[in-house]
Amino acid sequence: MLGAVIRYGKNTLVVELPTGTMDLQSKLSSIGIQNLPEDILLADEDSNPLRVKLYAGSPEEAHLLTLLTPERSLAAATTSTDVGADRF
């Protein structure tokens, strides 16, 4: 599993991926994020009020992180993690 630290303003959410779409949307809403996971980029830029940082717990998961560039979405990350879960 990968982890995601999602910051929105002063709120922080830590989630393990993969997670279901409805569960993820509910967790995002809990810190005030109304965007869909498909619309949230994996960017961790200080100037952006919505920031996502992924982390890995193993070397295999770290390899998966190299495929998840900042142009990809949070939805893509959870799907990629779900597909790759059988390999870890």
PDB file of N, CA and C in Angstrom:
ATOM      1  N   MET A   1       0.824  -1.187   0.000  1.00  0.00           N
ATOM      2  CA  MET A   1       0.000   0.000   0.000  1.00  0.00           C
ATOM      3  C   MET A   1       0.865   1.246   0.000  1.00  0.00           C
ATOM      4  N   LEU A   2       0.369   2.244  -0.651  1.00  0.00           N
ATOM      5  CA  LEU A   2       0.989   3.558  -0.606  1.00  0.00           C
ATOM      6  C   LEU A   2       0.220   4.408   0.389  1.00  0.00           C
ATOM      7  N   GLY A   3       0.851   5.428   0.860  1.00  0.00           N
ATOM      8  CA  GLY A   3       0.179   6.386   1.710  1.00  0.00           C
ATOM      9  C   GLY A   3       0.131   7.727   1.016  1.00  0.00           C
ATOM     10  N   ALA A   4      -0.867   8.502   1.357  1.00  0.00           N
ATOM     11  CA  ALA A   4      -0.992   9.853   0.807  1.00  0.00           C
ATOM     12  C   ALA A   4      -1.242  10.819   1.951  1.00  0.00           C
ATOM     13  N   VAL A   5      -0.474  11.889   1.960  1.00  0.00           N
ATOM     14  CA  VAL A   5      -0.701  12.981   2.895  1.00  0.00           C
ATOM     15  C   VAL A   5      -1.314  14.093   2.060  1.00  0.00           C
ATOM     16  N   ILE A   6      -2.542  14.452   2.378  1.00  0.00           N
ATOM     17  CA  ILE A   6      -3.278  15.456   1.617  1.00  0.00           C
ATOM     18  C   ILE A   6      -3.487  16.658   2.523  1.00  0.00           C
ATOM     19  N   ARG A   7      -3.028  17.801   2.053  1.00  0.00           N
ATOM     20  CA  ARG A   7      -3.168  19.031   2.828  1.00  0.00           C
ATOM     21  C   ARG A   7      -4.058  19.990   2.065  1.00  0.00           C
ATOM     22  N   TYR A   8      -4.986  20.561   2.790  1.00  0.00           N
ATOM     23  CA  TYR A   8      -5.886  21.546   2.211  1.00  0.00           C
ATOM     24  C   TYR A   8      -6.000  22.686   3.204  1.00  0.00           C
ATOM     25  N   GLY A   9      -5.350  23.792   2.879  1.00  0.00           N
ATOM     26  CA  GLY A   9      -5.295  24.900   3.830  1.00  0.00           C
ATOM     27  C   GLY A   9      -4.552  24.451   5.067  1.00  0.00           C
ATOM     28  N   LYS A  10      -5.201  24.526   6.220  1.00  0.00           N
ATOM     29  CA  LYS A  10      -4.587  24.103   7.484  1.00  0.00           C
ATOM     30  C   LYS A  10      -4.973  22.679   7.870  1.00  0.00           C
ATOM     31  N   ASN A  11      -5.775  22.016   7.046  1.00  0.00           N
ATOM     32  CA  ASN A  11      -6.232  20.660   7.343  1.00  0.00           C
ATOM     33  C   ASN A  11      -5.348  19.617   6.674  1.00  0.00           C
ATOM     34  N   THR A  12      -5.154  18.496   7.359  1.00  0.00           N
ATOM     35  CA  THR A  12      -4.337  17.407   6.836  1.00  0.00           C
ATOM     36  C   THR A  12      -5.095  16.093   6.963  1.00  0.00           C
ATOM     37  N   LEU A  13      -4.979  15.287   5.913  1.00  0.00           N
ATOM     38  CA  LEU A  13      -5.606  13.968   5.864  1.00  0.00           C
ATOM     39  C   LEU A  13      -4.536  12.966   5.438  1.00  0.00           C
ATOM     40  N   VAL A  14      -4.456  11.845   6.144  1.00  0.00           N
ATOM     41  CA  VAL A  14      -3.536  10.773   5.773  1.00  0.00           C
ATOM     42  C   VAL A  14      -4.394   9.569   5.389  1.00  0.00           C
ATOM     43  N   VAL A  15      -4.169   9.054   4.180  1.00  0.00           N
ATOM     44  CA  VAL A  15      -4.952   7.914   3.675  1.00  0.00           C
ATOM     45  C   VAL A  15      -4.017   6.841   3.142  1.00  0.00           C
ATOM     46  N   GLU A  16      -4.436   5.600   3.277  1.00  0.00           N
ATOM     47  CA  GLU A  16      -3.734   4.497   2.645  1.00  0.00           C
ATOM     48  C   GLU A  16      -4.418   4.193   1.326  1.00  0.00           C
ATOM     49  N   LEU A  17      -3.597   3.952   0.296  1.00  0.00           N
ATOM     50  CA  LEU A  17      -4.115   3.616  -1.022  1.00  0.00           C
ATOM     51  C   LEU A  17      -3.782   2.165  -1.320  1.00  0.00           C
ATOM     52  N   PRO A  18      -4.634   1.413  -1.938  1.00  0.00           N
ATOM     53  CA  PRO A  18      -5.879   1.847  -2.570  1.00  0.00           C
ATOM     54  C   PRO A  18      -7.007   1.965  -1.556  1.00  0.00           C
ATOM     55  N   THR A  19      -7.970   2.755  -1.914  1.00  0.00           N
ATOM     56  CA  THR A  19      -9.194   2.902  -1.144  1.00  0.00           C
ATOM     57  C   THR A  19     -10.334   3.109  -2.125  1.00  0.00           C
ATOM     58  N   GLY A  20     -11.523   2.773  -1.706  1.00  0.00           N
ATOM     59  CA  GLY A  20     -12.685   2.922  -2.577  1.00  0.00           C
ATOM     60  C   GLY A  20     -12.984   4.376  -2.887  1.00  0.00           C
ATOM     61  N   THR A  21     -13.569   4.605  -4.039  1.00  0.00           N
ATOM     62  CA  THR A  21     -13.857   5.963  -4.494  1.00  0.00           C
ATOM     63  C   THR A  21     -14.767   6.707  -3.520  1.00  0.00           C
ATOM     64  N   MET A  22     -15.824   6.063  -3.085  1.00  0.00           N
ATOM     65  CA  MET A  22     -16.763   6.727  -2.166  1.00  0.00           C
ATOM     66  C   MET A  22     -16.107   7.003  -0.816  1.00  0.00           C
ATOM     67  N   ASP A  23     -15.300   6.062  -0.330  1.00  0.00           N
ATOM     68  CA  ASP A  23     -14.599   6.247   0.937  1.00  0.00           C
ATOM     69  C   ASP A  23     -13.607   7.406   0.819  1.00  0.00           C
ATOM     70  N   LEU A  24     -12.878   7.439  -0.285  1.00  0.00           N
ATOM     71  CA  LEU A  24     -11.910   8.521  -0.506  1.00  0.00           C
ATOM     72  C   LEU A  24     -12.612   9.865  -0.592  1.00  0.00           C
ATOM     73  N   GLN A  25     -13.713   9.929  -1.317  1.00  0.00           N
ATOM     74  CA  GLN A  25     -14.460  11.184  -1.444  1.00  0.00           C
ATOM     75  C   GLN A  25     -14.972  11.653  -0.086  1.00  0.00           C
ATOM     76  N   SER A  26     -15.429  10.717   0.731  1.00  0.00           N
ATOM     77  CA  SER A  26     -15.901  11.052   2.073  1.00  0.00           C
ATOM     78  C   SER A  26     -14.773  11.607   2.936  1.00  0.00           C
ATOM     79  N   LYS A  27     -13.608  10.972   2.853  1.00  0.00           N
ATOM     80  CA  LYS A  27     -12.464  11.448   3.632  1.00  0.00           C
ATOM     81  C   LYS A  27     -12.013  12.828   3.160  1.00  0.00           C
ATOM     82  N   LEU A  28     -12.018  13.040   1.853  1.00  0.00           N
ATOM     83  CA  LEU A  28     -11.653  14.358   1.322  1.00  0.00           C
ATOM     84  C   LEU A  28     -12.638  15.421   1.819  1.00  0.00           C
ATOM     85  N   SER A  29     -13.913  15.096   1.807  1.00  0.00           N
ATOM     86  CA  SER A  29     -14.939  16.036   2.276  1.00  0.00           C
ATOM     87  C   SER A  29     -14.752  16.382   3.746  1.00  0.00           C
ATOM     88  N   SER A  30     -14.212  15.438   4.518  1.00  0.00           N
ATOM     89  CA  SER A  30     -14.036  15.672   5.953  1.00  0.00           C
ATOM     90  C   SER A  30     -13.062  16.809   6.249  1.00  0.00           C
ATOM     91  N   ILE A  31     -12.194  17.143   5.283  1.00  0.00           N
ATOM     92  CA  ILE A  31     -11.289  18.287   5.484  1.00  0.00           C
ATOM     93  C   ILE A  31     -11.629  19.439   4.548  1.00  0.00           C
ATOM     94  N   GLY A  32     -12.827  19.397   3.969  1.00  0.00           N
ATOM     95  CA  GLY A  32     -13.317  20.524   3.175  1.00  0.00           C
ATOM     96  C   GLY A  32     -13.043  20.470   1.692  1.00  0.00           C
ATOM     97  N   ILE A  33     -12.530  19.353   1.191  1.00  0.00           N
ATOM     98  CA  ILE A  33     -12.227  19.243  -0.238  1.00  0.00           C
ATOM     99  C   ILE A  33     -13.468  18.738  -0.965  1.00  0.00           C
ATOM    100  N   GLN A  34     -13.956  19.537  -1.914  1.00  0.00           N
ATOM    101  CA  GLN A  34     -15.129  19.156  -2.690  1.00  0.00           C
ATOM    102  C   GLN A  34     -14.751  18.603  -4.069  1.00  0.00           C
ATOM    103  N   ASN A  35     -13.471  18.702  -4.436  1.00  0.00           N
ATOM    104  CA  ASN A  35     -13.008  18.193  -5.725  1.00  0.00           C
ATOM    105  C   ASN A  35     -13.107  16.679  -5.768  1.00  0.00           C
ATOM    106  N   LEU A  36     -13.358  16.142  -6.950  1.00  0.00           N
ATOM    107  CA  LEU A  36     -13.335  14.704  -7.153  1.00  0.00           C
ATOM    108  C   LEU A  36     -11.888  14.232  -7.195  1.00  0.00           C
ATOM    109  N   PRO A  37     -11.613  12.987  -6.781  1.00  0.00           N
ATOM    110  CA  PRO A  37     -10.238  12.470  -6.843  1.00  0.00           C
ATOM    111  C   PRO A  37      -9.634  12.555  -8.246  1.00  0.00           C
ATOM    112  N   GLU A  38     -10.462  12.480  -9.287  1.00  0.00           N
ATOM    113  CA  GLU A  38      -9.972  12.588 -10.665  1.00  0.00           C
ATOM    114  C   GLU A  38      -9.423  13.976 -10.974  1.00  0.00           C
ATOM    115  N   ASP A  39      -9.857  14.973 -10.202  1.00  0.00           N
ATOM    116  CA  ASP A  39      -9.460  16.363 -10.440  1.00  0.00           C
ATOM    117  C   ASP A  39      -8.333  16.838  -9.516  1.00  0.00           C
ATOM    118  N   ILE A  40      -7.858  15.956  -8.652  1.00  0.00           N
ATOM    119  CA  ILE A  40      -6.811  16.330  -7.704  1.00  0.00           C
ATOM    120  C   ILE A  40      -5.483  15.774  -8.201  1.00  0.00           C
ATOM    121  N   LEU A  41      -4.580  16.684  -8.546  1.00  0.00           N
ATOM    122  CA  LEU A  41      -3.266  16.273  -9.046  1.00  0.00           C
ATOM    123  C   LEU A  41      -2.333  15.913  -7.893  1.00  0.00           C
ATOM    124  N   LEU A  42      -1.361  15.072  -8.192  1.00  0.00           N
ATOM    125  CA  LEU A  42      -0.403  14.614  -7.188  1.00  0.00           C
ATOM    126  C   LEU A  42       0.730  15.623  -7.031  1.00  0.00           C
ATOM    127  N   ALA A  43       0.380  16.857  -6.814  1.00  0.00           N
ATOM    128  CA  ALA A  43       1.352  17.939  -6.701  1.00  0.00           C
ATOM    129  C   ALA A  43       1.514  18.356  -5.248  1.00  0.00           C
ATOM    130  N   ASP A  44       2.748  18.642  -4.870  1.00  0.00           N
ATOM    131  CA  ASP A  44       3.053  19.074  -3.509  1.00  0.00           C
ATOM    132  C   ASP A  44       3.796  20.404  -3.575  1.00  0.00           C
ATOM    133  N   GLU A  45       3.145  21.400  -4.166  1.00  0.00           N
ATOM    134  CA  GLU A  45       3.748  22.715  -4.318  1.00  0.00           C
ATOM    135  C   GLU A  45       3.259  23.643  -3.209  1.00  0.00           C
ATOM    136  N   ASP A  46       4.183  24.348  -2.596  1.00  0.00           N
ATOM    137  CA  ASP A  46       3.840  25.227  -1.479  1.00  0.00           C
ATOM    138  C   ASP A  46       2.803  26.280  -1.833  1.00  0.00           C
ATOM    139  N   SER A  47       2.771  26.714  -3.083  1.00  0.00           N
ATOM    140  CA  SER A  47       1.854  27.776  -3.485  1.00  0.00           C
ATOM    141  C   SER A  47       0.422  27.271  -3.694  1.00  0.00           C
ATOM    142  N   ASN A  48       0.236  25.973  -3.744  1.00  0.00           N
ATOM    143  CA  ASN A  48      -1.087  25.389  -3.984  1.00  0.00           C
ATOM    144  C   ASN A  48      -1.783  25.089  -2.652  1.00  0.00           C
ATOM    145  N   PRO A  49      -3.032  25.538  -2.459  1.00  0.00           N
ATOM    146  CA  PRO A  49      -3.721  25.248  -1.201  1.00  0.00           C
ATOM    147  C   PRO A  49      -4.079  23.763  -1.038  1.00  0.00           C
ATOM    148  N   LEU A  50      -4.125  23.015  -2.137  1.00  0.00           N
ATOM    149  CA  LEU A  50      -4.422  21.576  -2.101  1.00  0.00           C
ATOM    150  C   LEU A  50      -3.167  20.832  -2.535  1.00  0.00           C
ATOM    151  N   ARG A  51      -2.544  20.133  -1.587  1.00  0.00           N
ATOM    152  CA  ARG A  51      -1.275  19.461  -1.855  1.00  0.00           C
ATOM    153  C   ARG A  51      -1.387  17.976  -1.522  1.00  0.00           C
ATOM    154  N   VAL A  52      -0.775  17.147  -2.374  1.00  0.00           N
ATOM    155  CA  VAL A  52      -0.779  15.700  -2.170  1.00  0.00           C
ATOM    156  C   VAL A  52       0.652  15.196  -2.225  1.00  0.00           C
ATOM    157  N   LYS A  53       1.047  14.470  -1.199  1.00  0.00           N
ATOM    158  CA  LYS A  53       2.375  13.865  -1.173  1.00  0.00           C
ATOM    159  C   LYS A  53       2.190  12.370  -0.922  1.00  0.00           C
ATOM    160  N   LEU A  54       2.762  11.553  -1.804  1.00  0.00           N
ATOM    161  CA  LEU A  54       2.680  10.103  -1.667  1.00  0.00           C
ATOM    162  C   LEU A  54       3.941   9.571  -0.999  1.00  0.00           C
ATOM    163  N   TYR A  55       3.798   8.478  -0.265  1.00  0.00           N
ATOM    164  CA  TYR A  55       4.963   7.830   0.334  1.00  0.00           C
ATOM    165  C   TYR A  55       4.780   6.321   0.259  1.00  0.00           C
ATOM    166  N   ALA A  56       5.907   5.622   0.298  1.00  0.00           N
ATOM    167  CA  ALA A  56       5.910   4.168   0.151  1.00  0.00           C
ATOM    168  C   ALA A  56       6.511   3.529   1.399  1.00  0.00           C
ATOM    169  N   GLY A  57       6.077   2.300   1.662  1.00  0.00           N
ATOM    170  CA  GLY A  57       6.581   1.568   2.815  1.00  0.00           C
ATOM    171  C   GLY A  57       7.584   0.489   2.449  1.00  0.00           C
ATOM    172  N   SER A  58       7.788   0.252   1.155  1.00  0.00           N
ATOM    173  CA  SER A  58       8.719  -0.792   0.724  1.00  0.00           C
ATOM    174  C   SER A  58       9.390  -0.372  -0.584  1.00  0.00           C
ATOM    175  N   PRO A  59      10.489  -1.023  -0.939  1.00  0.00           N
ATOM    176  CA  PRO A  59      11.155  -0.702  -2.213  1.00  0.00           C
ATOM    177  C   PRO A  59      10.257  -0.935  -3.427  1.00  0.00           C
ATOM    178  N   GLU A  60       9.433  -1.960  -3.381  1.00  0.00           N
ATOM    179  CA  GLU A  60       8.527  -2.234  -4.493  1.00  0.00           C
ATOM    180  C   GLU A  60       7.520  -1.099  -4.665  1.00  0.00           C
ATOM    181  N   GLU A  61       7.003  -0.622  -3.557  1.00  0.00           N
ATOM    182  CA  GLU A  61       6.061   0.494  -3.602  1.00  0.00           C
ATOM    183  C   GLU A  61       6.763   1.772  -4.052  1.00  0.00           C
ATOM    184  N   ALA A  62       8.009   1.934  -3.669  1.00  0.00           N
ATOM    185  CA  ALA A  62       8.778   3.108  -4.096  1.00  0.00           C
ATOM    186  C   ALA A  62       8.919   3.114  -5.614  1.00  0.00           C
ATOM    187  N   HIS A  63       9.059   1.938  -6.204  1.00  0.00           N
ATOM    188  CA  HIS A  63       9.126   1.858  -7.664  1.00  0.00           C
ATOM    189  C   HIS A  63       7.820   2.362  -8.285  1.00  0.00           C
ATOM    190  N   LEU A  64       6.699   2.000  -7.688  1.00  0.00           N
ATOM    191  CA  LEU A  64       5.399   2.463  -8.174  1.00  0.00           C
ATOM    192  C   LEU A  64       5.315   3.987  -8.111  1.00  0.00           C
ATOM    193  N   LEU A  65       5.912   4.576  -7.097  1.00  0.00           N
ATOM    194  CA  LEU A  65       5.889   6.043  -6.969  1.00  0.00           C
ATOM    195  C   LEU A  65       6.549   6.726  -8.157  1.00  0.00           C
ATOM    196  N   THR A  66       7.540   6.088  -8.757  1.00  0.00           N
ATOM    197  CA  THR A  66       8.213   6.706  -9.903  1.00  0.00           C
ATOM    198  C   THR A  66       7.272   6.834 -11.096  1.00  0.00           C
ATOM    199  N   LEU A  67       6.230   6.015 -11.139  1.00  0.00           N
ATOM    200  CA  LEU A  67       5.266   6.064 -12.235  1.00  0.00           C
ATOM    201  C   LEU A  67       4.168   7.100 -12.003  1.00  0.00           C
ATOM    202  N   LEU A  68       4.017   7.512 -10.767  1.00  0.00           N
ATOM    203  CA  LEU A  68       2.948   8.446 -10.411  1.00  0.00           C
ATOM    204  C   LEU A  68       3.501   9.871 -10.360  1.00  0.00           C
ATOM    205  N   THR A  69       3.571  10.495 -11.509  1.00  0.00           N
ATOM    206  CA  THR A  69       4.113  11.840 -11.647  1.00  0.00           C
ATOM    207  C   THR A  69       3.107  12.883 -11.173  1.00  0.00           C
ATOM    208  N   PRO A  70       3.545  14.114 -10.932  1.00  0.00           N
ATOM    209  CA  PRO A  70       2.635  15.171 -10.471  1.00  0.00           C
ATOM    210  C   PRO A  70       1.470  15.469 -11.420  1.00  0.00           C
ATOM    211  N   GLU A  71       1.587  15.061 -12.672  1.00  0.00           N
ATOM    212  CA  GLU A  71       0.500  15.292 -13.631  1.00  0.00           C
ATOM    213  C   GLU A  71      -0.624  14.273 -13.479  1.00  0.00           C
ATOM    214  N   ARG A  72      -0.386  13.210 -12.725  1.00  0.00           N
ATOM    215  CA  ARG A  72      -1.398  12.175 -12.510  1.00  0.00           C
ATOM    216  C   ARG A  72      -2.343  12.616 -11.405  1.00  0.00           C
ATOM    217  N   SER A  73      -3.488  11.967 -11.330  1.00  0.00           N
ATOM    218  CA  SER A  73      -4.494  12.347 -10.337  1.00  0.00           C
ATOM    219  C   SER A  73      -4.486  11.388  -9.145  1.00  0.00           C
ATOM    220  N   LEU A  74      -5.148  11.812  -8.096  1.00  0.00           N
ATOM    221  CA  LEU A  74      -5.308  10.968  -6.917  1.00  0.00           C
ATOM    222  C   LEU A  74      -6.092   9.705  -7.271  1.00  0.00           C
ATOM    223  N   ALA A  75      -7.055   9.815  -8.164  1.00  0.00           N
ATOM    224  CA  ALA A  75      -7.817   8.645  -8.621  1.00  0.00           C
ATOM    225  C   ALA A  75      -6.896   7.673  -9.354  1.00  0.00           C
ATOM    226  N   ALA A  76      -5.990   8.183 -10.177  1.00  0.00           N
ATOM    227  CA  ALA A  76      -5.039   7.321 -10.893  1.00  0.00           C
ATOM    228  C   ALA A  76      -4.117   6.613  -9.907  1.00  0.00           C
ATOM    229  N   ALA A  77      -3.721   7.305  -8.858  1.00  0.00           N
ATOM    230  CA  ALA A  77      -2.840   6.704  -7.854  1.00  0.00           C
ATOM    231  C   ALA A  77      -3.529   5.561  -7.136  1.00  0.00           C
ATOM    232  N   THR A  78      -4.791   5.735  -6.769  1.00  0.00           N
ATOM    233  CA  THR A  78      -5.477   4.660  -6.062  1.00  0.00           C
ATOM    234  C   THR A  78      -5.748   3.484  -6.997  1.00  0.00           C
ATOM    235  N   THR A  79      -6.034   3.757  -8.268  1.00  0.00           N
ATOM    236  CA  THR A  79      -6.236   2.678  -9.237  1.00  0.00           C
ATOM    237  C   THR A  79      -4.934   1.936  -9.491  1.00  0.00           C
ATOM    238  N   SER A  80      -3.849   2.659  -9.680  1.00  0.00           N
ATOM    239  CA  SER A  80      -2.547   2.038  -9.927  1.00  0.00           C
ATOM    240  C   SER A  80      -2.110   1.198  -8.742  1.00  0.00           C
ATOM    241  N   THR A  81      -2.365   1.673  -7.554  1.00  0.00           N
ATOM    242  CA  THR A  81      -2.011   0.938  -6.353  1.00  0.00           C
ATOM    243  C   THR A  81      -2.835  -0.330  -6.238  1.00  0.00           C
ATOM    244  N   ASP A  82      -4.112  -0.234  -6.574  1.00  0.00           N
ATOM    245  CA  ASP A  82      -4.988  -1.397  -6.520  1.00  0.00           C
ATOM    246  C   ASP A  82      -4.540  -2.462  -7.508  1.00  0.00           C
ATOM    247  N   VAL A  83      -4.195  -2.059  -8.714  1.00  0.00           N
ATOM    248  CA  VAL A  83      -3.739  -2.992  -9.744  1.00  0.00           C
ATOM    249  C   VAL A  83      -2.409  -3.616  -9.352  1.00  0.00           C
ATOM    250  N   GLY A  84      -1.512  -2.811  -8.780  1.00  0.00           N
ATOM    251  CA  GLY A  84      -0.190  -3.309  -8.409  1.00  0.00           C
ATOM    252  C   GLY A  84      -0.139  -4.032  -7.078  1.00  0.00           C
ATOM    253  N   ALA A  85      -1.231  -4.014  -6.320  1.00  0.00           N
ATOM    254  CA  ALA A  85      -1.241  -4.619  -4.990  1.00  0.00           C
ATOM    255  C   ALA A  85      -0.933  -6.113  -5.022  1.00  0.00           C
ATOM    256  N   ASP A  86      -1.350  -6.792  -6.072  1.00  0.00           N
ATOM    257  CA  ASP A  86      -1.101  -8.225  -6.165  1.00  0.00           C
ATOM    258  C   ASP A  86       0.379  -8.539  -6.316  1.00  0.00           C
ATOM    259  N   ARG A  87       1.150  -7.567  -6.767  1.00  0.00           N
ATOM    260  CA  ARG A  87       2.572  -7.793  -7.006  1.00  0.00           C
ATOM    261  C   ARG A  87       3.417  -7.593  -5.775  1.00  0.00           C
ATOM    262  N   PHE A  88       2.884  -6.921  -4.741  1.00  0.00           N
ATOM    263  CA  PHE A  88       3.682  -6.606  -3.544  1.00  0.00           C
ATOM    264  C   PHE A  88       3.608  -7.725  -2.557  1.00  0.00           C
TER     265      PHE A  88
END
